[in-house]
N, C-alpha and C. Protein backbone atom coordinates (compact mmCIF):
# COMPACT_ATOMS: atom_id res chain seq x y z
N MET A 1 -66.94 41.94 -27.97
CA MET A 1 -67.17 40.39 -27.53
C MET A 1 -66.03 39.74 -26.85
N GLN A 2 -66.85 38.95 -26.16
CA GLN A 2 -65.83 37.91 -25.28
C GLN A 2 -66.11 36.54 -25.39
N ASN A 3 -65.10 36.11 -26.12
CA ASN A 3 -65.23 34.47 -26.44
C ASN A 3 -64.86 33.81 -24.89
N LEU A 4 -65.96 32.90 -24.82
CA LEU A 4 -65.86 32.30 -23.38
C LEU A 4 -65.24 30.99 -23.30
N THR A 5 -64.69 30.61 -24.28
CA THR A 5 -64.00 29.36 -24.38
C THR A 5 -62.59 29.43 -25.18
N ASN A 6 -61.80 28.20 -25.29
CA ASN A 6 -60.69 28.24 -26.00
C ASN A 6 -60.79 27.87 -27.47
N ALA A 7 -62.20 28.19 -28.03
CA ALA A 7 -62.40 27.72 -29.38
C ALA A 7 -61.75 28.29 -30.36
N PRO A 8 -61.12 27.63 -31.52
CA PRO A 8 -60.60 28.35 -32.66
C PRO A 8 -61.52 28.96 -33.51
N LEU A 9 -61.23 29.80 -34.12
CA LEU A 9 -61.88 30.59 -35.03
C LEU A 9 -61.61 29.89 -36.49
N LEU A 10 -62.62 29.24 -36.99
CA LEU A 10 -62.95 28.54 -38.40
C LEU A 10 -63.58 29.71 -39.27
N THR A 11 -63.27 29.40 -40.59
CA THR A 11 -64.24 30.16 -41.64
C THR A 11 -64.20 29.16 -42.75
N THR A 12 -65.27 29.39 -43.57
CA THR A 12 -65.68 28.58 -44.61
C THR A 12 -66.02 29.59 -45.51
N ALA A 13 -66.67 29.26 -46.58
CA ALA A 13 -66.99 30.35 -47.53
C ALA A 13 -67.85 31.53 -47.29
N ARG A 14 -68.88 31.05 -46.46
CA ARG A 14 -69.90 32.13 -46.08
C ARG A 14 -70.03 32.41 -44.66
N LEU A 15 -69.24 31.68 -43.81
CA LEU A 15 -69.45 31.52 -42.28
C LEU A 15 -68.24 31.90 -41.61
N ILE A 16 -68.51 32.55 -40.26
CA ILE A 16 -67.55 32.46 -39.19
C ILE A 16 -67.87 31.48 -38.29
N LEU A 17 -66.90 30.64 -37.81
CA LEU A 17 -67.30 29.65 -36.64
C LEU A 17 -66.52 30.00 -35.64
N ARG A 18 -67.05 30.32 -34.65
CA ARG A 18 -66.34 30.91 -33.33
C ARG A 18 -66.74 30.11 -32.06
N GLY A 19 -66.27 30.45 -30.80
CA GLY A 19 -66.67 30.00 -29.64
C GLY A 19 -67.97 30.80 -29.24
N PRO A 20 -68.66 30.55 -28.25
CA PRO A 20 -69.86 31.37 -27.84
C PRO A 20 -69.42 32.45 -26.97
N GLU A 21 -70.18 33.40 -27.11
CA GLU A 21 -70.10 34.60 -26.40
C GLU A 21 -71.29 34.91 -25.55
N ARG A 22 -71.12 35.81 -24.65
CA ARG A 22 -72.27 36.23 -23.98
C ARG A 22 -73.41 36.79 -24.54
N SER A 23 -73.40 37.35 -25.73
CA SER A 23 -74.18 38.05 -26.41
C SER A 23 -74.96 36.93 -27.32
N ASP A 24 -74.39 35.72 -27.20
CA ASP A 24 -75.19 34.69 -28.02
C ASP A 24 -76.60 34.05 -26.99
N LEU A 25 -76.41 34.41 -25.88
CA LEU A 25 -77.44 33.68 -24.95
C LEU A 25 -78.93 34.02 -25.41
N PRO A 26 -79.24 35.42 -25.28
CA PRO A 26 -80.47 35.64 -25.68
C PRO A 26 -81.06 34.79 -27.42
N GLU A 27 -80.36 34.88 -28.15
CA GLU A 27 -80.77 34.15 -29.49
C GLU A 27 -80.74 32.42 -29.08
N PHE A 28 -79.92 31.93 -28.51
CA PHE A 28 -79.82 30.45 -28.17
C PHE A 28 -81.13 30.16 -27.34
N THR A 29 -81.31 31.29 -26.29
CA THR A 29 -82.44 30.91 -25.31
C THR A 29 -83.91 31.03 -26.21
N ARG A 30 -83.91 31.84 -26.98
CA ARG A 30 -85.21 32.14 -27.87
C ARG A 30 -85.37 30.69 -28.61
N PHE A 31 -84.14 30.53 -29.39
CA PHE A 31 -84.34 28.92 -30.31
C PHE A 31 -84.77 27.74 -29.51
N MET A 32 -84.15 27.71 -28.27
CA MET A 32 -84.42 26.42 -27.35
C MET A 32 -85.86 26.36 -26.73
N THR A 33 -86.17 27.66 -26.44
CA THR A 33 -87.64 27.83 -25.94
C THR A 33 -88.88 27.80 -26.70
N SER A 34 -88.65 28.30 -27.99
CA SER A 34 -89.48 28.65 -29.12
C SER A 34 -89.47 28.29 -30.51
N ALA A 35 -88.52 27.84 -30.93
CA ALA A 35 -88.15 27.39 -32.37
C ALA A 35 -89.33 26.33 -33.01
N PRO A 36 -89.52 26.78 -34.08
CA PRO A 36 -90.73 25.59 -34.60
C PRO A 36 -90.19 24.39 -34.72
N SER A 37 -88.72 24.30 -35.16
CA SER A 37 -88.08 23.17 -35.29
C SER A 37 -87.96 22.52 -33.92
N MET A 38 -87.66 22.85 -32.73
CA MET A 38 -87.69 22.38 -31.49
C MET A 38 -88.92 21.83 -31.07
N TYR A 39 -89.99 22.82 -31.57
CA TYR A 39 -91.32 22.44 -30.69
C TYR A 39 -91.93 21.23 -31.80
N ALA A 40 -91.69 21.15 -32.67
CA ALA A 40 -91.89 19.91 -33.65
C ALA A 40 -91.51 18.76 -33.21
N GLN A 41 -90.43 18.71 -32.66
CA GLN A 41 -89.47 17.54 -32.14
C GLN A 41 -90.00 17.29 -30.39
N GLY A 42 -90.51 18.17 -29.96
CA GLY A 42 -90.86 18.08 -28.73
C GLY A 42 -89.75 18.37 -27.80
N GLU A 43 -88.73 19.24 -28.31
CA GLU A 43 -87.69 19.51 -27.56
C GLU A 43 -87.36 20.81 -26.83
N THR A 44 -88.39 21.67 -27.03
CA THR A 44 -88.45 22.76 -26.34
C THR A 44 -88.16 22.84 -24.87
N VAL A 45 -87.25 23.60 -24.26
CA VAL A 45 -87.10 23.79 -22.95
C VAL A 45 -87.47 25.18 -22.32
N THR A 46 -87.33 25.24 -20.97
CA THR A 46 -87.58 26.38 -20.22
C THR A 46 -86.46 27.27 -20.49
N ALA A 47 -86.42 28.59 -20.13
CA ALA A 47 -85.43 29.55 -20.19
C ALA A 47 -84.18 29.07 -19.35
N GLU A 48 -84.46 28.69 -18.16
CA GLU A 48 -83.56 28.28 -17.02
C GLU A 48 -82.73 27.03 -17.73
N GLN A 49 -83.47 26.00 -18.43
CA GLN A 49 -82.95 25.01 -18.85
C GLN A 49 -82.02 25.22 -20.16
N ALA A 50 -82.19 26.43 -20.82
CA ALA A 50 -81.55 26.81 -22.06
C ALA A 50 -80.15 27.56 -21.38
N TRP A 51 -80.27 28.19 -20.36
CA TRP A 51 -79.12 28.73 -19.69
C TRP A 51 -78.14 27.70 -19.34
N ILE A 52 -78.76 26.77 -18.72
CA ILE A 52 -77.98 25.36 -18.09
C ILE A 52 -77.28 24.72 -19.48
N GLY A 53 -78.07 24.61 -20.58
CA GLY A 53 -77.47 24.18 -21.82
C GLY A 53 -76.52 25.02 -22.59
N PHE A 54 -76.67 26.21 -22.39
CA PHE A 54 -75.34 27.31 -22.88
C PHE A 54 -74.31 27.10 -21.88
N MET A 55 -74.55 27.01 -20.72
CA MET A 55 -73.30 26.74 -19.89
C MET A 55 -72.66 25.51 -20.03
N ALA A 56 -73.47 24.55 -20.28
CA ALA A 56 -72.96 22.98 -20.60
C ALA A 56 -72.05 23.20 -21.86
N GLY A 57 -72.65 23.85 -22.90
CA GLY A 57 -71.63 24.05 -24.21
C GLY A 57 -70.53 24.60 -23.73
N ILE A 58 -70.28 25.71 -22.92
CA ILE A 58 -68.83 26.38 -22.66
C ILE A 58 -68.31 25.28 -21.73
N GLY A 59 -68.77 24.41 -21.00
CA GLY A 59 -68.02 23.64 -20.26
C GLY A 59 -67.47 22.41 -21.07
N HIS A 60 -68.22 22.20 -22.22
CA HIS A 60 -67.46 20.96 -22.97
C HIS A 60 -66.29 21.62 -23.67
N TRP A 61 -66.13 22.93 -24.07
CA TRP A 61 -64.89 23.32 -24.50
C TRP A 61 -63.89 23.19 -23.37
N GLN A 62 -64.14 23.44 -22.14
CA GLN A 62 -63.08 23.48 -21.14
C GLN A 62 -62.88 22.02 -20.81
N TRP A 63 -63.79 20.89 -20.80
CA TRP A 63 -63.54 19.57 -20.63
C TRP A 63 -63.00 18.82 -21.47
N HIS A 64 -63.55 18.96 -22.76
CA HIS A 64 -62.88 18.05 -23.88
C HIS A 64 -62.05 18.83 -24.87
N GLY A 65 -62.02 20.09 -24.80
CA GLY A 65 -61.26 20.68 -25.87
C GLY A 65 -62.22 20.82 -27.19
N PHE A 66 -63.34 20.72 -27.13
CA PHE A 66 -64.37 20.92 -28.30
C PHE A 66 -65.78 21.27 -27.93
N GLY A 67 -66.50 21.80 -28.66
CA GLY A 67 -67.90 22.02 -28.40
C GLY A 67 -68.56 22.59 -29.65
N PHE A 68 -69.64 23.35 -29.15
CA PHE A 68 -70.20 23.99 -30.23
C PHE A 68 -69.96 25.48 -30.68
N PHE A 69 -69.72 25.63 -32.00
CA PHE A 69 -69.53 26.92 -32.47
C PHE A 69 -70.46 27.41 -32.90
N THR A 70 -70.67 28.89 -32.54
CA THR A 70 -71.63 29.72 -32.92
C THR A 70 -71.22 30.13 -34.50
N LEU A 71 -72.34 29.99 -35.43
CA LEU A 71 -72.32 30.35 -36.89
C LEU A 71 -72.75 31.59 -36.94
N VAL A 72 -71.65 32.26 -37.60
CA VAL A 72 -71.99 33.68 -37.96
C VAL A 72 -72.03 33.87 -39.61
N GLU A 73 -73.12 34.42 -40.15
CA GLU A 73 -73.03 34.56 -41.43
C GLU A 73 -71.98 35.78 -41.98
N GLN A 74 -71.10 35.51 -42.65
CA GLN A 74 -70.20 36.64 -43.09
C GLN A 74 -70.78 37.86 -43.54
N ARG A 75 -71.74 37.68 -44.47
CA ARG A 75 -72.35 38.94 -44.99
C ARG A 75 -73.13 39.68 -44.03
N THR A 76 -73.86 39.06 -43.29
CA THR A 76 -74.86 39.98 -42.28
C THR A 76 -74.42 40.26 -41.08
N GLU A 77 -73.24 39.39 -40.62
CA GLU A 77 -72.45 39.30 -39.16
C GLU A 77 -73.64 38.93 -38.07
N LEU A 78 -74.53 38.38 -38.46
CA LEU A 78 -75.55 37.58 -37.61
C LEU A 78 -75.28 36.27 -37.30
N PRO A 79 -75.60 35.91 -36.10
CA PRO A 79 -75.51 34.39 -35.79
C PRO A 79 -76.60 33.84 -36.22
N VAL A 80 -76.38 32.42 -37.20
CA VAL A 80 -77.40 31.62 -37.83
C VAL A 80 -77.54 30.25 -37.23
N GLY A 81 -76.85 29.87 -36.41
CA GLY A 81 -76.97 28.56 -35.60
C GLY A 81 -75.73 28.21 -34.94
N ARG A 82 -75.67 26.76 -34.74
CA ARG A 82 -74.76 26.30 -34.02
C ARG A 82 -74.12 24.88 -34.60
N VAL A 83 -72.79 24.59 -34.51
CA VAL A 83 -72.37 23.41 -35.38
C VAL A 83 -71.49 22.94 -34.50
N GLY A 84 -71.42 21.76 -33.95
CA GLY A 84 -69.98 21.39 -33.02
C GLY A 84 -70.10 19.95 -32.72
N LEU A 85 -68.86 19.69 -31.88
CA LEU A 85 -68.90 18.33 -31.50
C LEU A 85 -69.20 18.39 -29.67
N ILE A 86 -69.99 17.12 -29.53
CA ILE A 86 -70.40 17.07 -28.17
C ILE A 86 -70.23 15.85 -27.70
N LYS A 87 -70.10 15.54 -26.39
CA LYS A 87 -69.72 14.03 -25.91
C LYS A 87 -70.36 14.27 -24.29
N HIS A 88 -71.62 14.11 -24.30
CA HIS A 88 -72.05 14.39 -22.72
C HIS A 88 -71.68 12.90 -21.86
N SER A 89 -71.80 13.04 -20.78
CA SER A 89 -71.59 12.07 -19.62
C SER A 89 -72.42 10.87 -20.07
N GLY A 90 -71.55 9.51 -20.36
CA GLY A 90 -72.36 8.33 -20.72
C GLY A 90 -72.53 8.10 -22.00
N TRP A 91 -72.10 9.12 -22.97
CA TRP A 91 -72.36 8.96 -24.29
C TRP A 91 -71.16 8.15 -24.89
N PRO A 92 -71.70 7.21 -25.90
CA PRO A 92 -70.54 6.30 -26.39
C PRO A 92 -69.46 6.82 -27.19
N ASP A 93 -69.90 7.96 -27.93
CA ASP A 93 -68.85 8.59 -28.88
C ASP A 93 -69.09 9.98 -29.07
N VAL A 94 -68.20 10.48 -29.93
CA VAL A 94 -68.26 12.10 -30.14
C VAL A 94 -69.25 12.33 -31.15
N GLU A 95 -70.10 13.23 -30.90
CA GLU A 95 -71.02 13.45 -31.78
C GLU A 95 -70.99 14.76 -32.52
N LEU A 96 -71.32 14.77 -33.85
CA LEU A 96 -71.09 16.02 -34.89
C LEU A 96 -72.53 16.43 -34.95
N ALA A 97 -73.03 17.77 -34.13
CA ALA A 97 -74.36 18.00 -34.28
C ALA A 97 -74.50 19.69 -34.95
N TRP A 98 -75.73 19.90 -35.20
CA TRP A 98 -75.98 21.13 -35.63
C TRP A 98 -77.48 21.56 -35.37
N HIS A 99 -77.50 22.69 -35.27
CA HIS A 99 -78.86 23.40 -35.05
C HIS A 99 -78.72 25.03 -35.67
N LEU A 100 -79.67 24.80 -36.56
CA LEU A 100 -79.97 26.30 -37.43
C LEU A 100 -81.20 27.04 -36.70
N PHE A 101 -80.79 28.39 -36.68
CA PHE A 101 -81.94 29.36 -35.91
C PHE A 101 -83.09 29.54 -37.26
N GLU A 102 -84.29 29.84 -36.99
CA GLU A 102 -85.32 30.18 -37.97
C GLU A 102 -84.51 31.08 -39.22
N GLY A 103 -85.01 30.87 -40.34
CA GLY A 103 -84.68 31.81 -41.50
C GLY A 103 -83.09 31.17 -41.86
N ALA A 104 -82.49 30.51 -41.39
CA ALA A 104 -81.02 29.98 -41.83
C ALA A 104 -81.15 28.61 -42.32
N GLU A 105 -82.52 27.96 -41.99
CA GLU A 105 -82.71 26.65 -42.69
C GLU A 105 -82.62 26.69 -44.41
N GLY A 106 -82.32 25.60 -45.15
CA GLY A 106 -82.44 25.39 -46.37
C GLY A 106 -81.33 26.22 -47.15
N LYS A 107 -80.41 26.74 -46.68
CA LYS A 107 -79.24 27.56 -47.23
C LYS A 107 -77.84 26.97 -47.30
N GLY A 108 -77.97 25.65 -46.77
CA GLY A 108 -76.80 24.87 -46.83
C GLY A 108 -75.67 25.33 -45.67
N PHE A 109 -76.02 26.06 -44.74
CA PHE A 109 -75.19 26.46 -43.77
C PHE A 109 -74.85 25.16 -42.87
N ALA A 110 -75.67 24.37 -42.32
CA ALA A 110 -75.47 23.13 -41.63
C ALA A 110 -74.27 22.41 -42.18
N THR A 111 -74.71 22.21 -43.28
CA THR A 111 -73.65 21.26 -44.16
C THR A 111 -72.20 21.97 -44.31
N GLU A 112 -72.12 23.19 -44.80
CA GLU A 112 -71.19 23.92 -44.91
C GLU A 112 -70.00 24.06 -43.56
N ALA A 113 -70.95 24.28 -42.43
CA ALA A 113 -70.10 24.33 -41.19
C ALA A 113 -69.71 23.01 -40.76
N ALA A 114 -70.51 22.20 -41.09
CA ALA A 114 -70.34 20.63 -40.59
C ALA A 114 -69.09 20.04 -41.20
N MET A 115 -68.66 20.36 -42.43
CA MET A 115 -67.66 20.18 -43.30
C MET A 115 -66.49 20.70 -42.48
N GLY A 116 -66.35 22.10 -42.38
CA GLY A 116 -65.42 22.69 -41.66
C GLY A 116 -65.01 22.13 -40.22
N VAL A 117 -66.06 21.62 -39.54
CA VAL A 117 -65.86 21.06 -38.24
C VAL A 117 -65.18 19.59 -38.43
N LYS A 118 -65.60 19.00 -39.31
CA LYS A 118 -65.23 17.68 -39.53
C LYS A 118 -63.70 17.64 -39.91
N THR A 119 -63.31 18.65 -40.73
CA THR A 119 -62.00 18.93 -41.33
C THR A 119 -60.91 19.37 -39.94
N TRP A 120 -61.77 20.10 -39.05
CA TRP A 120 -60.94 20.58 -37.89
C TRP A 120 -60.76 19.16 -36.77
N ALA A 121 -61.88 18.61 -36.81
CA ALA A 121 -61.66 17.42 -35.78
C ALA A 121 -60.74 16.42 -36.19
N ARG A 122 -60.51 16.22 -37.50
CA ARG A 122 -59.65 15.28 -38.21
C ARG A 122 -58.28 15.86 -38.13
N GLU A 123 -58.06 17.13 -38.30
CA GLU A 123 -56.67 17.48 -38.75
C GLU A 123 -56.19 18.05 -37.33
N ASP A 124 -56.86 18.65 -36.54
CA ASP A 124 -56.50 19.41 -35.27
C ASP A 124 -56.58 18.31 -34.13
N LEU A 125 -57.79 17.68 -34.01
CA LEU A 125 -58.04 16.82 -33.16
C LEU A 125 -57.51 15.49 -33.02
N GLY A 126 -57.23 15.02 -34.41
CA GLY A 126 -56.79 13.59 -34.57
C GLY A 126 -57.99 12.65 -34.68
N LEU A 127 -59.25 13.04 -34.56
CA LEU A 127 -60.50 12.02 -34.24
C LEU A 127 -60.70 11.42 -35.75
N ASP A 128 -60.67 10.21 -35.34
CA ASP A 128 -60.88 9.06 -36.78
C ASP A 128 -62.35 8.77 -36.88
N ARG A 129 -63.34 9.30 -36.22
CA ARG A 129 -64.63 8.67 -36.23
C ARG A 129 -65.55 9.79 -35.76
N LEU A 130 -66.94 10.04 -36.04
CA LEU A 130 -67.79 11.01 -35.63
C LEU A 130 -69.10 10.12 -35.92
N TYR A 131 -70.18 10.63 -34.99
CA TYR A 131 -71.52 10.05 -35.30
C TYR A 131 -72.48 11.34 -35.05
N SER A 132 -73.40 11.09 -35.55
CA SER A 132 -74.60 12.11 -35.38
C SER A 132 -75.74 11.12 -34.91
N TYR A 133 -76.48 11.45 -33.84
CA TYR A 133 -77.57 10.70 -33.05
C TYR A 133 -78.80 11.58 -33.77
N ILE A 134 -79.41 11.08 -34.83
CA ILE A 134 -80.57 11.85 -35.42
C ILE A 134 -81.81 11.23 -35.32
N ASP A 135 -82.98 11.85 -34.69
CA ASP A 135 -84.22 11.25 -34.59
C ASP A 135 -84.64 10.63 -35.91
N ARG A 136 -85.37 9.62 -35.70
CA ARG A 136 -85.68 8.98 -37.19
C ARG A 136 -86.84 9.59 -37.98
N GLU A 137 -87.43 10.49 -37.16
CA GLU A 137 -88.30 11.33 -38.06
C GLU A 137 -87.93 12.91 -38.58
N ASN A 138 -86.37 12.93 -38.22
CA ASN A 138 -85.86 14.32 -38.64
C ASN A 138 -85.30 14.17 -39.90
N THR A 139 -86.21 14.35 -40.80
CA THR A 139 -85.61 13.92 -42.33
C THR A 139 -84.63 15.06 -42.75
N ARG A 140 -84.89 16.23 -42.28
CA ARG A 140 -83.82 17.49 -42.73
C ARG A 140 -82.52 17.14 -42.10
N SER A 141 -82.42 16.99 -41.22
CA SER A 141 -81.29 16.56 -40.43
C SER A 141 -80.41 15.31 -41.06
N GLN A 142 -81.36 14.44 -41.38
CA GLN A 142 -80.82 13.13 -42.10
C GLN A 142 -80.28 13.82 -43.45
N ALA A 143 -80.78 14.42 -44.23
CA ALA A 143 -80.63 15.04 -45.47
C ALA A 143 -79.02 15.85 -45.14
N VAL A 144 -78.89 16.51 -44.08
CA VAL A 144 -77.55 17.06 -43.95
C VAL A 144 -76.48 15.94 -43.82
N ALA A 145 -76.98 14.96 -42.74
CA ALA A 145 -75.93 13.81 -42.57
C ALA A 145 -75.67 13.13 -43.91
N LYS A 146 -76.50 13.16 -44.91
CA LYS A 146 -76.26 12.32 -46.24
C LYS A 146 -75.41 13.10 -47.02
N ARG A 147 -75.74 14.52 -47.19
CA ARG A 147 -74.76 15.37 -47.64
C ARG A 147 -73.26 15.39 -47.09
N LEU A 148 -73.22 15.05 -46.02
CA LEU A 148 -71.73 15.08 -45.46
C LEU A 148 -71.22 13.78 -45.67
N GLY A 149 -71.79 12.76 -46.12
CA GLY A 149 -71.29 11.38 -46.56
C GLY A 149 -71.61 10.44 -45.33
N ALA A 150 -72.39 10.67 -44.26
CA ALA A 150 -72.64 9.77 -43.44
C ALA A 150 -73.56 8.68 -43.79
N MET A 151 -73.59 7.54 -43.13
CA MET A 151 -74.61 6.32 -43.24
C MET A 151 -75.31 6.04 -42.13
N THR A 152 -76.23 5.39 -42.07
CA THR A 152 -76.98 4.68 -40.90
C THR A 152 -77.44 3.41 -41.27
N ASP A 153 -77.45 2.23 -40.48
CA ASP A 153 -78.14 1.03 -40.87
C ASP A 153 -79.18 0.93 -40.25
N GLY A 154 -79.69 1.96 -39.45
CA GLY A 154 -81.02 2.08 -38.53
C GLY A 154 -80.73 1.82 -37.17
N THR A 155 -79.65 1.36 -36.75
CA THR A 155 -79.13 1.09 -35.33
C THR A 155 -79.55 2.41 -34.31
N ARG A 156 -80.20 2.12 -33.43
CA ARG A 156 -80.64 3.38 -32.42
C ARG A 156 -79.61 3.48 -31.44
N ALA A 157 -79.54 4.72 -30.89
CA ALA A 157 -78.59 5.09 -30.05
C ALA A 157 -78.98 4.87 -28.62
N PRO A 158 -77.97 3.96 -27.82
CA PRO A 158 -78.47 3.75 -26.60
C PRO A 158 -78.95 4.62 -25.56
N HIS A 159 -78.27 5.84 -25.86
CA HIS A 159 -78.40 7.03 -24.81
C HIS A 159 -79.75 7.68 -25.27
N GLU A 160 -80.53 7.62 -26.61
CA GLU A 160 -81.45 8.24 -27.11
C GLU A 160 -82.16 7.40 -28.11
N PRO A 161 -83.14 6.66 -27.59
CA PRO A 161 -83.75 5.55 -28.25
C PRO A 161 -84.58 5.91 -29.57
N GLU A 162 -85.12 7.15 -29.60
CA GLU A 162 -85.35 7.61 -30.80
C GLU A 162 -84.69 7.98 -32.10
N ALA A 163 -83.56 7.92 -31.75
CA ALA A 163 -82.34 8.47 -32.54
C ALA A 163 -81.58 7.44 -33.24
N GLU A 164 -81.49 7.48 -34.56
CA GLU A 164 -80.58 6.62 -35.26
C GLU A 164 -79.00 7.05 -35.09
N ILE A 165 -78.24 6.20 -35.13
CA ILE A 165 -76.65 6.28 -35.27
C ILE A 165 -76.27 6.81 -36.72
N TRP A 166 -75.55 7.70 -37.20
CA TRP A 166 -75.13 8.04 -38.37
C TRP A 166 -73.64 8.02 -38.34
N VAL A 167 -72.77 7.34 -39.18
CA VAL A 167 -71.32 7.29 -38.91
C VAL A 167 -70.80 8.09 -40.00
N HIS A 168 -69.84 9.17 -39.64
CA HIS A 168 -69.38 9.96 -40.76
C HIS A 168 -68.19 9.47 -41.21
N PRO A 169 -67.89 9.24 -42.28
CA PRO A 169 -66.48 9.06 -42.78
C PRO A 169 -65.58 10.43 -42.58
N MET A 170 -64.39 10.17 -42.23
CA MET A 170 -63.40 11.07 -41.78
C MET A 170 -62.29 11.39 -42.74
N GLY A 171 -62.36 10.70 -43.97
CA GLY A 171 -61.19 11.09 -45.09
C GLY A 171 -61.43 12.39 -45.69
N ARG A 172 -60.71 12.88 -46.33
CA ARG A 172 -60.77 14.36 -47.12
C ARG A 172 -61.95 14.27 -47.92
N HIS A 173 -62.55 15.36 -48.13
CA HIS A 173 -63.77 15.62 -48.86
C HIS A 173 -63.24 15.87 -50.40
């Protein structure tokens, strides 16, 4: 396995958070092109667009020193999703974001991994504020944000009008 980035290796009680590897591309592509959760939000893409997204994720690590971690369940050693920090061109702030692959939802993986990423962002990167831009219809992601201690006042993200801005406190858990 070849890590394609300078991402650190983080661990939680049940997960290994590592940088993207070439072997992650097929599962990422399948998720982006056909996952029911992506389809329900109208966010599925073509295989070529998924490849571009995967490459952009690698570029995030090179440009910003942060990006998406691949979540690997320690028990099965299988990838179960991605959690990380992103800041695309023109975005106002660093976003804490998560995507779980089918079959991994409802097990607390997103919350567990995002807590680990928040700690890393605070302690290693010195970030004092993170945001999540969550579609106002995406109640599952809103529930994760609430478990992470994030709050929203309903303000919309300027770069994503259907998304509300959720602000994450960065104090210790």
